[in-house]
Amino acid sequence: METVKVFFAQLLGSAIGIVGLLVGTLGWAYWMWMAIKLGSFGMFFFGILGPFAMVAGILGLWSFFFGLPHWLL
């Protein structure tokens, strides 16, 4: 029974790590690319402003998979 708990804990930890890696790299890079492409200094500043970079990464990953939200324009 302990082996099953360890397996699922490792599986959950790996999934969280992969999502964090995607948000931190792909999402953030896509956000910065959109900021440059749209010519928005506000988006660019938001993307490099400490803790807001994580929010920018989440929004960038969302935009990468589902398209740019209309409220963002």
C-alpha atoms as a PDB file:
ATOM      1  CA  MET A   1       0.000   0.000   0.000  1.00  0.00           C
ATOM      2  CA  GLU A   2       2.874   2.366   0.785  1.00  0.00           C
ATOM      3  CA  THR A   3       4.309   1.759  -2.690  1.00  0.00           C
ATOM      4  CA  VAL A   4       1.059   2.926  -4.295  1.00  0.00           C
ATOM      5  CA  LYS A   5       1.104   6.138  -2.229  1.00  0.00           C
ATOM      6  CA  VAL A   6       4.694   6.832  -3.202  1.00  0.00           C
ATOM      7  CA  PHE A   7       3.918   6.172  -6.860  1.00  0.00           C
ATOM      8  CA  PHE A   8       1.003   8.608  -6.924  1.00  0.00           C
ATOM      9  CA  ALA A   9       2.965  11.207  -4.961  1.00  0.00           C
ATOM     10  CA  GLN A  10       5.775  11.005  -7.511  1.00  0.00           C
ATOM     11  CA  LEU A  11       3.276  11.135 -10.363  1.00  0.00           C
ATOM     12  CA  LEU A  12       1.600  14.238  -8.937  1.00  0.00           C
ATOM     13  CA  GLY A  13       4.943  15.893  -8.227  1.00  0.00           C
ATOM     14  CA  SER A  14       6.109  15.215 -11.775  1.00  0.00           C
ATOM     15  CA  ALA A  15       2.881  16.613 -13.255  1.00  0.00           C
ATOM     16  CA  ILE A  16       3.195  19.787 -11.174  1.00  0.00           C
ATOM     17  CA  GLY A  17       6.837  20.118 -12.211  1.00  0.00           C
ATOM     18  CA  ILE A  18       6.012  19.732 -15.907  1.00  0.00           C
ATOM     19  CA  VAL A  19       3.204  22.305 -15.719  1.00  0.00           C
ATOM     20  CA  GLY A  20       5.504  24.687 -13.847  1.00  0.00           C
ATOM     21  CA  LEU A  21       8.184  24.211 -16.468  1.00  0.00           C
ATOM     22  CA  LEU A  22       5.709  24.872 -19.274  1.00  0.00           C
ATOM     23  CA  VAL A  23       4.399  28.014 -17.598  1.00  0.00           C
ATOM     24  CA  GLY A  24       7.864  29.251 -16.703  1.00  0.00           C
ATOM     25  CA  THR A  25       9.408  28.752 -20.128  1.00  0.00           C
ATOM     26  CA  LEU A  26       6.942  28.310 -22.975  1.00  0.00           C
ATOM     27  CA  GLY A  27       4.178  30.479 -21.525  1.00  0.00           C
ATOM     28  CA  TRP A  28       6.472  33.301 -20.471  1.00  0.00           C
ATOM     29  CA  ALA A  29       8.404  33.280 -23.759  1.00  0.00           C
ATOM     30  CA  TYR A  30       5.163  33.345 -25.748  1.00  0.00           C
ATOM     31  CA  TRP A  31       3.889  36.244 -23.621  1.00  0.00           C
ATOM     32  CA  MET A  32       7.064  38.219 -24.282  1.00  0.00           C
ATOM     33  CA  TRP A  33       6.874  37.416 -27.998  1.00  0.00           C
ATOM     34  CA  MET A  34       3.255  38.654 -28.097  1.00  0.00           C
ATOM     35  CA  ALA A  35       4.261  41.826 -26.246  1.00  0.00           C
ATOM     36  CA  ILE A  36       6.946  42.570 -28.819  1.00  0.00           C
ATOM     37  CA  LYS A  37       4.731  41.565 -31.744  1.00  0.00           C
ATOM     38  CA  LEU A  38       1.849  43.766 -30.523  1.00  0.00           C
ATOM     39  CA  GLY A  39       4.217  46.602 -29.612  1.00  0.00           C
ATOM     40  CA  SER A  40       2.887  46.762 -26.066  1.00  0.00           C
ATOM     41  CA  PHE A  41       5.360  48.107 -23.533  1.00  0.00           C
ATOM     42  CA  GLY A  42       2.825  47.446 -20.772  1.00  0.00           C
ATOM     43  CA  MET A  43       2.700  43.743 -21.594  1.00  0.00           C
ATOM     44  CA  PHE A  44       6.486  43.585 -21.763  1.00  0.00           C
ATOM     45  CA  PHE A  45       6.879  45.387 -18.422  1.00  0.00           C
ATOM     46  CA  PHE A  46       4.249  43.100 -16.857  1.00  0.00           C
ATOM     47  CA  GLY A  47       6.240  40.096 -18.096  1.00  0.00           C
ATOM     48  CA  ILE A  48       9.484  41.139 -16.413  1.00  0.00           C
ATOM     49  CA  LEU A  49       7.990  42.554 -13.209  1.00  0.00           C
ATOM     50  CA  GLY A  50       8.863  39.888 -10.618  1.00  0.00           C
ATOM     51  CA  PRO A  51       5.862  37.906  -9.370  1.00  0.00           C
ATOM     52  CA  PHE A  52       3.702  39.117 -12.245  1.00  0.00           C
ATOM     53  CA  ALA A  53       5.941  37.139 -14.599  1.00  0.00           C
ATOM     54  CA  MET A  54       4.231  33.951 -13.358  1.00  0.00           C
ATOM     55  CA  VAL A  55       0.816  35.391 -14.186  1.00  0.00           C
ATOM     56  CA  ALA A  56       2.178  36.429 -17.582  1.00  0.00           C
ATOM     57  CA  GLY A  57       3.439  32.875 -18.062  1.00  0.00           C
ATOM     58  CA  ILE A  58       0.028  31.409 -17.285  1.00  0.00           C
ATOM     59  CA  LEU A  59      -1.686  33.830 -19.665  1.00  0.00           C
ATOM     60  CA  GLY A  60       0.976  33.185 -22.294  1.00  0.00           C
ATOM     61  CA  LEU A  61       0.510  29.416 -22.056  1.00  0.00           C
ATOM     62  CA  TRP A  62      -3.263  29.866 -22.321  1.00  0.00           C
ATOM     63  CA  SER A  63      -2.777  32.076 -25.375  1.00  0.00           C
ATOM     64  CA  PHE A  64      -0.383  29.563 -26.920  1.00  0.00           C
ATOM     65  CA  PHE A  65      -2.942  26.758 -26.774  1.00  0.00           C
ATOM     66  CA  PHE A  66      -6.284  28.599 -27.123  1.00  0.00           C
ATOM     67  CA  GLY A  67      -5.460  31.898 -28.802  1.00  0.00           C
ATOM     68  CA  LEU A  68      -5.175  35.449 -27.602  1.00  0.00           C
ATOM     69  CA  PRO A  69      -8.103  36.498 -25.371  1.00  0.00           C
ATOM     70  CA  HIS A  70     -10.138  39.413 -26.688  1.00  0.00           C
ATOM     71  CA  TRP A  71      -9.937  41.297 -23.388  1.00  0.00           C
ATOM     72  CA  LEU A  72      -6.169  41.358 -23.714  1.00  0.00           C
ATOM     73  CA  LEU A  73      -6.322  43.417 -26.871  1.00  0.00           C
END
